[in-house]
C-alpha atoms as a PDB file:
ATOM      1  CA  MET A   1     -12.631  24.041  12.982  1.00  0.00           C
ATOM      2  CA  THR A   2     -16.277  23.552  13.893  1.00  0.00           C
ATOM      3  CA  LYS A   3     -17.435  19.975  13.531  1.00  0.00           C
ATOM      4  CA  THR A   4     -20.879  19.001  12.274  1.00  0.00           C
ATOM      5  CA  LEU A   5     -22.326  17.467  15.409  1.00  0.00           C
ATOM      6  CA  ASP A   6     -20.250  19.666  17.712  1.00  0.00           C
ATOM      7  CA  ALA A   7     -22.142  22.727  16.492  1.00  0.00           C
ATOM      8  CA  ALA A   8     -25.542  21.167  17.004  1.00  0.00           C
ATOM      9  CA  ILE A   9     -24.608  19.695  20.385  1.00  0.00           C
ATOM     10  CA  ARG A  10     -23.438  23.064  21.646  1.00  0.00           C
ATOM     11  CA  ASN A  11     -26.590  24.716  20.356  1.00  0.00           C
ATOM     12  CA  ALA A  12     -28.695  22.129  22.166  1.00  0.00           C
ATOM     13  CA  ALA A  13     -26.576  22.424  25.338  1.00  0.00           C
ATOM     14  CA  LEU A  14     -25.992  18.667  25.316  1.00  0.00           C
ATOM     15  CA  ALA A  15     -22.884  16.863  26.541  1.00  0.00           C
ATOM     16  CA  GLY A  16     -20.787  14.748  24.205  1.00  0.00           C
ATOM     17  CA  THR A  17     -18.215  15.086  21.469  1.00  0.00           C
ATOM     18  CA  ALA A  18     -18.513  15.477  17.735  1.00  0.00           C
ATOM     19  CA  ALA A  19     -19.462  12.421  15.741  1.00  0.00           C
ATOM     20  CA  LEU A  20     -17.413  13.490  12.799  1.00  0.00           C
ATOM     21  CA  LEU A  21     -13.862  14.762  12.401  1.00  0.00           C
ATOM     22  CA  LEU A  22     -12.338  16.801   9.623  1.00  0.00           C
ATOM     23  CA  ALA A  23      -9.937  14.773   7.494  1.00  0.00           C
ATOM     24  CA  ALA A  24      -7.770  17.347   5.754  1.00  0.00           C
ATOM     25  CA  SER A  25      -6.135  16.447   2.474  1.00  0.00           C
ATOM     26  CA  PRO A  26      -2.342  16.753   2.365  1.00  0.00           C
ATOM     27  CA  GLY A  27      -1.089  19.884   0.635  1.00  0.00           C
ATOM     28  CA  GLY A  28      -0.232  19.735  -3.039  1.00  0.00           C
ATOM     29  CA  ALA A  29       2.153  21.649  -5.244  1.00  0.00           C
ATOM     30  CA  ALA A  30      -0.373  24.346  -6.132  1.00  0.00           C
ATOM     31  CA  SER A  31      -0.582  27.456  -4.006  1.00  0.00           C
ATOM     32  CA  ALA A  32      -3.573  28.096  -1.761  1.00  0.00           C
ATOM     33  CA  LYS A  33      -4.641  30.849  -4.145  1.00  0.00           C
ATOM     34  CA  ASP A  34      -4.604  28.598  -7.216  1.00  0.00           C
ATOM     35  CA  ALA A  35      -5.714  25.312  -5.654  1.00  0.00           C
ATOM     36  CA  ALA A  36      -9.271  24.119  -6.122  1.00  0.00           C
ATOM     37  CA  PRO A  37     -11.320  24.022  -2.912  1.00  0.00           C
ATOM     38  CA  THR A  38     -10.980  20.712  -1.085  1.00  0.00           C
ATOM     39  CA  PRO A  39     -14.198  19.311   0.378  1.00  0.00           C
ATOM     40  CA  ILE A  40     -14.300  18.848   4.133  1.00  0.00           C
ATOM     41  CA  GLU A  41     -14.669  15.179   5.073  1.00  0.00           C
ATOM     42  CA  PHE A  42     -16.057  13.691   8.279  1.00  0.00           C
ATOM     43  CA  TYR A  43     -16.076  10.104   9.530  1.00  0.00           C
ATOM     44  CA  ALA A  44     -17.524   8.491  12.653  1.00  0.00           C
ATOM     45  CA  SER A  45     -18.400   5.108  14.101  1.00  0.00           C
ATOM     46  CA  ILE A  46     -21.634   5.108  16.107  1.00  0.00           C
ATOM     47  CA  SER A  47     -22.646   2.381  18.566  1.00  0.00           C
ATOM     48  CA  VAL A  48     -26.421   2.173  19.055  1.00  0.00           C
ATOM     49  CA  LYS A  49     -28.037   0.677  22.148  1.00  0.00           C
ATOM     50  CA  PRO A  50     -29.874  -2.657  21.779  1.00  0.00           C
ATOM     51  CA  GLY A  51     -33.468  -2.046  20.792  1.00  0.00           C
ATOM     52  CA  ALA A  52     -32.837   1.546  19.712  1.00  0.00           C
ATOM     53  CA  MET A  53     -31.579   0.996  16.158  1.00  0.00           C
ATOM     54  CA  ASP A  54     -34.924   1.173  14.335  1.00  0.00           C
ATOM     55  CA  GLY A  55     -35.878   4.519  15.850  1.00  0.00           C
ATOM     56  CA  PHE A  56     -32.408   6.025  15.565  1.00  0.00           C
ATOM     57  CA  LEU A  57     -31.939   4.796  12.009  1.00  0.00           C
ATOM     58  CA  ALA A  58     -35.247   6.338  10.918  1.00  0.00           C
ATOM     59  CA  VAL A  59     -34.073   9.723  12.195  1.00  0.00           C
ATOM     60  CA  MET A  60     -30.625   9.252  10.646  1.00  0.00           C
ATOM     61  CA  ARG A  61     -32.146   8.381   7.270  1.00  0.00           C
ATOM     62  CA  ALA A  62     -34.269  11.523   7.368  1.00  0.00           C
ATOM     63  CA  ASN A  63     -31.138  13.489   8.240  1.00  0.00           C
ATOM     64  CA  ALA A  64     -29.257  11.887   5.335  1.00  0.00           C
ATOM     65  CA  ARG A  65     -31.981  12.759   2.817  1.00  0.00           C
ATOM     66  CA  ALA A  66     -32.251  16.354   3.998  1.00  0.00           C
ATOM     67  CA  SER A  67     -28.467  16.759   4.240  1.00  0.00           C
ATOM     68  CA  ARG A  68     -27.978  15.636   0.630  1.00  0.00           C
ATOM     69  CA  ALA A  69     -30.398  18.355  -0.437  1.00  0.00           C
ATOM     70  CA  GLU A  70     -28.342  21.093   1.230  1.00  0.00           C
ATOM     71  CA  ALA A  71     -26.500  23.387  -1.165  1.00  0.00           C
ATOM     72  CA  GLY A  72     -23.108  22.712   0.411  1.00  0.00           C
ATOM     73  CA  ASN A  73     -23.331  18.926   0.644  1.00  0.00           C
ATOM     74  CA  VAL A  74     -21.103  16.830  -1.624  1.00  0.00           C
ATOM     75  CA  SER A  75     -22.135  13.418  -0.285  1.00  0.00           C
ATOM     76  CA  PHE A  76     -23.646  11.818   2.804  1.00  0.00           C
ATOM     77  CA  ASP A  77     -23.351   8.064   3.389  1.00  0.00           C
ATOM     78  CA  ALA A  78     -24.445   5.943   6.327  1.00  0.00           C
ATOM     79  CA  TYR A  79     -23.526   2.275   6.616  1.00  0.00           C
ATOM     80  CA  ARG A  80     -24.456  -0.536   8.963  1.00  0.00           C
ATOM     81  CA  ARG A  81     -22.002  -3.329   9.733  1.00  0.00           C
ATOM     82  CA  ALA A  82     -23.168  -6.599   8.189  1.00  0.00           C
ATOM     83  CA  ASP A  83     -21.852  -8.603  11.153  1.00  0.00           C
ATOM     84  CA  CYS A  84     -22.821  -6.174  13.930  1.00  0.00           C
ATOM     85  CA  GLY A  85     -26.319  -4.765  13.696  1.00  0.00           C
ATOM     86  CA  ASN A  86     -25.778  -2.052  16.306  1.00  0.00           C
ATOM     87  CA  GLU A  87     -22.899  -0.160  14.676  1.00  0.00           C
ATOM     88  CA  LEU A  88     -23.154   2.597  12.061  1.00  0.00           C
ATOM     89  CA  LEU A  89     -20.405   4.269  10.041  1.00  0.00           C
ATOM     90  CA  LEU A  90     -21.037   7.803   8.777  1.00  0.00           C
ATOM     91  CA  MET A  91     -19.071   9.373   5.938  1.00  0.00           C
ATOM     92  CA  GLU A  92     -19.828  12.968   4.918  1.00  0.00           C
ATOM     93  CA  ARG A  93     -18.316  15.485   2.508  1.00  0.00           C
ATOM     94  CA  TRP A  94     -19.096  19.196   2.516  1.00  0.00           C
ATOM     95  CA  ALA A  95     -18.050  21.902   0.072  1.00  0.00           C
ATOM     96  CA  ASP A  96     -16.448  24.158   2.681  1.00  0.00           C
ATOM     97  CA  GLU A  97     -16.572  25.284   6.295  1.00  0.00           C
ATOM     98  CA  ALA A  98     -19.547  27.550   5.616  1.00  0.00           C
ATOM     99  CA  ALA A  99     -21.528  24.516   4.466  1.00  0.00           C
ATOM    100  CA  VAL A 100     -20.595  22.675   7.667  1.00  0.00           C
ATOM    101  CA  GLU A 101     -21.659  25.667   9.761  1.00  0.00           C
ATOM    102  CA  ALA A 102     -24.992  25.886   7.946  1.00  0.00           C
ATOM    103  CA  HIS A 103     -25.590  22.158   8.369  1.00  0.00           C
ATOM    104  CA  GLY A 104     -24.965  22.494  12.097  1.00  0.00           C
ATOM    105  CA  GLN A 105     -28.006  24.771  12.363  1.00  0.00           C
ATOM    106  CA  THR A 106     -30.486  22.489  10.593  1.00  0.00           C
ATOM    107  CA  PRO A 107     -33.491  20.857  12.292  1.00  0.00           C
ATOM    108  CA  HIS A 108     -32.757  17.469  10.714  1.00  0.00           C
ATOM    109  CA  LEU A 109     -29.345  17.350  12.391  1.00  0.00           C
ATOM    110  CA  GLN A 110     -30.873  18.558  15.642  1.00  0.00           C
ATOM    111  CA  ALA A 111     -33.293  15.619  15.494  1.00  0.00           C
ATOM    112  CA  VAL A 112     -30.282  13.267  15.495  1.00  0.00           C
ATOM    113  CA  VAL A 113     -28.606  15.133  18.341  1.00  0.00           C
ATOM    114  CA  ASP A 114     -31.773  14.903  20.415  1.00  0.00           C
ATOM    115  CA  ARG A 115     -31.455  11.101  20.429  1.00  0.00           C
ATOM    116  CA  ILE A 116     -27.773  10.817  21.343  1.00  0.00           C
ATOM    117  CA  GLU A 117     -28.254  10.314  25.068  1.00  0.00           C
ATOM    118  CA  SER A 118     -31.198   7.935  24.767  1.00  0.00           C
ATOM    119  CA  ASP A 119     -30.080   5.823  21.789  1.00  0.00           C
ATOM    120  CA  LEU A 120     -26.268   5.681  21.722  1.00  0.00           C
ATOM    121  CA  ASN A 121     -23.658   3.820  23.770  1.00  0.00           C
ATOM    122  CA  GLY A 122     -21.704   6.941  24.588  1.00  0.00           C
ATOM    123  CA  ALA A 123     -20.322   9.546  22.236  1.00  0.00           C
ATOM    124  CA  PRO A 124     -19.680   8.611  18.593  1.00  0.00           C
ATOM    125  CA  GLN A 125     -16.097   7.551  17.914  1.00  0.00           C
ATOM    126  CA  GLU A 126     -14.257  10.058  15.773  1.00  0.00           C
ATOM    127  CA  LEU A 127     -12.109   8.698  12.961  1.00  0.00           C
ATOM    128  CA  HIS A 128      -9.078  10.951  12.507  1.00  0.00           C
ATOM    129  CA  LEU A 129      -8.232  10.403   8.844  1.00  0.00           C
ATOM    130  CA  VAL A 130      -6.036  12.138   6.278  1.00  0.00           C
ATOM    131  CA  ARG A 131      -6.844  11.569   2.612  1.00  0.00           C
ATOM    132  CA  LEU A 132      -4.051  10.028   0.523  1.00  0.00           C
ATOM    133  CA  SER A 133      -5.849   9.252  -2.744  1.00  0.00           C
ATOM    134  CA  PRO A 134      -7.102  12.088  -4.962  1.00  0.00           C
ATOM    135  CA  MET A 135     -10.758  13.031  -4.855  1.00  0.00           C
ATOM    136  CA  ALA A 136     -12.900  11.372  -7.514  1.00  0.00           C
ATOM    137  CA  PRO A 137     -16.345  12.266  -8.903  1.00  0.00           C
ATOM    138  CA  GLU A 138     -19.326  10.527  -7.349  1.00  0.00           C
ATOM    139  CA  LYS A 139     -20.655   7.631  -9.444  1.00  0.00           C
ATOM    140  CA  PRO A 140     -24.388   6.854  -9.681  1.00  0.00           C
ATOM    141  CA  ILE A 141     -25.685   3.868  -7.720  1.00  0.00           C
ATOM    142  CA  THR A 142     -28.609   2.098  -9.369  1.00  0.00           C
ATOM    143  CA  ASP A 143     -29.160  -0.712  -6.851  1.00  0.00           C
ATOM    144  CA  PRO A 144     -28.004   0.215  -3.317  1.00  0.00           C
ATOM    145  CA  ALA A 145     -29.186  -3.097  -1.863  1.00  0.00           C
ATOM    146  CA  ALA A 146     -26.794  -5.036  -4.106  1.00  0.00           C
ATOM    147  CA  THR A 147     -23.663  -2.995  -3.423  1.00  0.00           C
ATOM    148  CA  ARG A 148     -20.578  -4.502  -1.804  1.00  0.00           C
ATOM    149  CA  ASN A 149     -19.208  -1.914   0.618  1.00  0.00           C
ATOM    150  CA  VAL A 150     -15.887  -2.673   2.294  1.00  0.00           C
ATOM    151  CA  ALA A 151     -14.045  -0.702   4.980  1.00  0.00           C
ATOM    152  CA  VAL A 152     -10.518  -1.913   5.705  1.00  0.00           C
ATOM    153  CA  THR A 153      -8.156  -0.777   8.459  1.00  0.00           C
ATOM    154  CA  LEU A 154      -4.546  -1.872   7.956  1.00  0.00           C
ATOM    155  CA  HIS A 155      -1.790  -1.684  10.565  1.00  0.00           C
ATOM    156  CA  VAL A 156       1.599  -1.673   8.838  1.00  0.00           C
ATOM    157  CA  LYS A 157       5.039  -2.293  10.325  1.00  0.00           C
ATOM    158  CA  PRO A 158       7.140   0.904  10.634  1.00  0.00           C
ATOM    159  CA  GLU A 159       9.891  -0.294   8.314  1.00  0.00           C
ATOM    160  CA  LYS A 160       7.350  -1.241   5.626  1.00  0.00           C
ATOM    161  CA  ARG A 161       5.182   1.898   5.637  1.00  0.00           C
ATOM    162  CA  GLU A 162       6.679   3.832   2.738  1.00  0.00           C
ATOM    163  CA  ALA A 163       6.721   0.921   0.291  1.00  0.00           C
ATOM    164  CA  PHE A 164       3.280  -0.264   1.386  1.00  0.00           C
ATOM    165  CA  GLN A 165       1.721   3.176   1.008  1.00  0.00           C
ATOM    166  CA  GLN A 166       3.094   3.530  -2.509  1.00  0.00           C
ATOM    167  CA  ALA A 167       1.903   0.057  -3.510  1.00  0.00           C
ATOM    168  CA  LEU A 168      -1.513   0.856  -2.064  1.00  0.00           C
ATOM    169  CA  LEU A 169      -1.779   4.145  -3.945  1.00  0.00           C
ATOM    170  CA  ASP A 170      -0.696   2.430  -7.160  1.00  0.00           C
ATOM    171  CA  VAL A 171      -3.902   0.359  -7.168  1.00  0.00           C
ATOM    172  CA  VAL A 172      -6.254   3.326  -6.707  1.00  0.00           C
ATOM    173  CA  GLU A 173      -6.703   4.383 -10.331  1.00  0.00           C
ATOM    174  CA  PRO A 174      -6.936   0.872 -11.850  1.00  0.00           C
ATOM    175  CA  SER A 175      -9.400  -0.069  -9.112  1.00  0.00           C
ATOM    176  CA  ARG A 176     -11.553   2.968  -9.859  1.00  0.00           C
ATOM    177  CA  ALA A 177     -11.472   2.074 -13.556  1.00  0.00           C
ATOM    178  CA  ALA A 178     -12.452  -1.552 -12.925  1.00  0.00           C
ATOM    179  CA  PRO A 179     -15.942  -2.708 -13.987  1.00  0.00           C
ATOM    180  CA  GLY A 180     -18.435  -2.207 -11.207  1.00  0.00           C
ATOM    181  CA  ASN A 181     -16.346   0.128  -9.060  1.00  0.00           C
ATOM    182  CA  LEU A 182     -18.245   2.957  -7.380  1.00  0.00           C
ATOM    183  CA  ALA A 183     -15.524   4.307  -5.079  1.00  0.00           C
ATOM    184  CA  PHE A 184     -12.009   3.475  -3.926  1.00  0.00           C
ATOM    185  CA  ASP A 185     -10.506   5.891  -1.391  1.00  0.00           C
ATOM    186  CA  VAL A 186      -7.336   5.578   0.672  1.00  0.00           C
ATOM    187  CA  TYR A 187      -6.533   7.395   3.915  1.00  0.00           C
ATOM    188  CA  ARG A 188      -4.143   7.133   6.829  1.00  0.00           C
ATOM    189  CA  HIS A 189      -4.902   7.830  10.456  1.00  0.00           C
ATOM    190  CA  GLU A 190      -3.948  11.335  11.474  1.00  0.00           C
ATOM    191  CA  ASP A 191      -2.118  10.233  14.626  1.00  0.00           C
ATOM    192  CA  ASP A 192      -0.537   7.035  13.286  1.00  0.00           C
ATOM    193  CA  GLU A 193       1.214   7.047   9.918  1.00  0.00           C
ATOM    194  CA  GLY A 194       1.301   3.251   9.966  1.00  0.00           C
ATOM    195  CA  THR A 195      -2.478   2.806  10.087  1.00  0.00           C
ATOM    196  CA  PHE A 196      -4.253   3.002   6.733  1.00  0.00           C
ATOM    197  CA  PHE A 197      -7.972   3.064   5.973  1.00  0.00           C
ATOM    198  CA  ILE A 198      -9.548   2.003   2.668  1.00  0.00           C
ATOM    199  CA  MET A 199     -13.181   2.588   1.719  1.00  0.00           C
ATOM    200  CA  GLU A 200     -14.429   0.645  -1.297  1.00  0.00           C
ATOM    201  CA  ARG A 201     -17.834   0.526  -2.990  1.00  0.00           C
ATOM    202  CA  TRP A 202     -18.753  -1.935  -5.738  1.00  0.00           C
ATOM    203  CA  THR A 203     -21.990  -2.506  -7.633  1.00  0.00           C
ATOM    204  CA  ASN A 204     -22.149  -6.064  -6.302  1.00  0.00           C
ATOM    205  CA  ALA A 205     -20.084  -8.816  -4.703  1.00  0.00           C
ATOM    206  CA  ALA A 206     -19.108 -10.314  -8.063  1.00  0.00           C
ATOM    207  CA  ALA A 207     -17.510  -7.045  -9.191  1.00  0.00           C
ATOM    208  CA  HIS A 208     -15.510  -6.885  -5.977  1.00  0.00           C
ATOM    209  CA  GLU A 209     -14.336 -10.486  -6.268  1.00  0.00           C
ATOM    210  CA  ALA A 210     -13.305  -9.904  -9.892  1.00  0.00           C
ATOM    211  CA  HIS A 211     -11.309  -6.840  -8.823  1.00  0.00           C
ATOM    212  CA  LEU A 212      -9.385  -8.847  -6.226  1.00  0.00           C
ATOM    213  CA  ALA A 213      -8.179 -11.230  -8.946  1.00  0.00           C
ATOM    214  CA  GLN A 214      -6.816  -8.526 -11.274  1.00  0.00           C
ATOM    215  CA  PRO A 215      -3.065  -8.324 -12.097  1.00  0.00           C
ATOM    216  CA  TYR A 216      -2.785  -4.712 -10.931  1.00  0.00           C
ATOM    217  CA  ASN A 217      -3.062  -6.010  -7.349  1.00  0.00           C
ATOM    218  CA  GLU A 218      -0.026  -8.290  -7.652  1.00  0.00           C
ATOM    219  CA  PRO A 219       2.674  -5.823  -6.447  1.00  0.00           C
ATOM    220  CA  LEU A 220       0.598  -5.028  -3.364  1.00  0.00           C
ATOM    221  CA  ASN A 221      -0.211  -8.690  -2.758  1.00  0.00           C
ATOM    222  CA  ALA A 222       3.497  -9.529  -2.952  1.00  0.00           C
ATOM    223  CA  ILE A 223       4.321  -7.394   0.101  1.00  0.00           C
ATOM    224  CA  TRP A 224       0.992  -7.713   1.916  1.00  0.00           C
ATOM    225  CA  ALA A 225       1.754 -10.468   4.433  1.00  0.00           C
ATOM    226  CA  GLU A 226       5.228  -9.247   5.358  1.00  0.00           C
ATOM    227  CA  SER A 227       4.026  -5.658   5.808  1.00  0.00           C
ATOM    228  CA  LEU A 228       1.041  -6.065   8.118  1.00  0.00           C
ATOM    229  CA  ALA A 229       1.525  -5.838  11.868  1.00  0.00           C
ATOM    230  CA  ARG A 230      -1.920  -7.353  12.523  1.00  0.00           C
ATOM    231  CA  PRO A 231      -4.026  -9.898  10.623  1.00  0.00           C
ATOM    232  CA  LEU A 232      -6.260  -8.437   7.914  1.00  0.00           C
ATOM    233  CA  GLY A 233      -9.367 -10.024   9.404  1.00  0.00           C
ATOM    234  CA  GLU A 234      -9.201  -7.763  12.455  1.00  0.00           C
ATOM    235  CA  GLY A 235      -9.765  -4.631  10.379  1.00  0.00           C
ATOM    236  CA  ARG A 236     -11.988  -5.705   7.476  1.00  0.00           C
ATOM    237  CA  ARG A 237     -15.687  -4.832   7.657  1.00  0.00           C
ATOM    238  CA  LEU A 238     -18.472  -5.522   5.198  1.00  0.00           C
ATOM    239  CA  LEU A 239     -21.062  -2.749   5.302  1.00  0.00           C
ATOM    240  CA  LEU A 240     -24.707  -2.430   4.315  1.00  0.00           C
ATOM    241  CA  ASP A 241     -26.045   0.827   2.885  1.00  0.00           C
ATOM    242  CA  ALA A 242     -28.191   2.116   5.750  1.00  0.00           C
ATOM    243  CA  ALA A 243     -29.477   5.276   4.047  1.00  0.00           C
ATOM    244  CA  PRO A 244     -29.729   4.796   0.265  1.00  0.00           C
ATOM    245  CA  SER A 245     -30.031   7.906  -1.878  1.00  0.00           C
END
């Protein structure tokens, strides 16, 4: 399947790989004929050269604004690591492959592609993710600067994977219903069933801290330490909204 930046890079005859990779949702019980269309999701980590962030981020923000206005765009988010000023995380959702193809032809994406060689430390790193939690409607964000955005990568021991995945999925709906929650999505890595990825958005830090103390987390907390193959701190990132809507 054509990837967003792949299309533009080929059109511009530039070297490099796609910044974003399709994360296909697992199949459900409904047939392909009856199932509702599943948005196409892309994720990428981008390392920006020292001194190049301001210029690259300005172009990326313009791309984000224009992309959100496209008919086939569901959402477009760009984050900057709070503890590493030169890394960006992109998360995009598109209605279907036609929307991705159309986006690949746009001048605002081409403007980003034109800066890849000069501004980035190599090709963007693709995140090969498969969605585990159901899609949820986008929630309005009134104060982007105050949001607490958390990306968590969890490496789970093989013998603990099934129980851990179920416990993780059990907290999705109560987390989404918690005061101040904006998003709570769970994925696993496409090539490693023992590596999970969680993306959380909260209106502020207080809402996130209150969520962590809720009883619905207790079953997951009870198996957390014994299930992880690596310390949590290695995979937890606090993110700043780099391209507010």
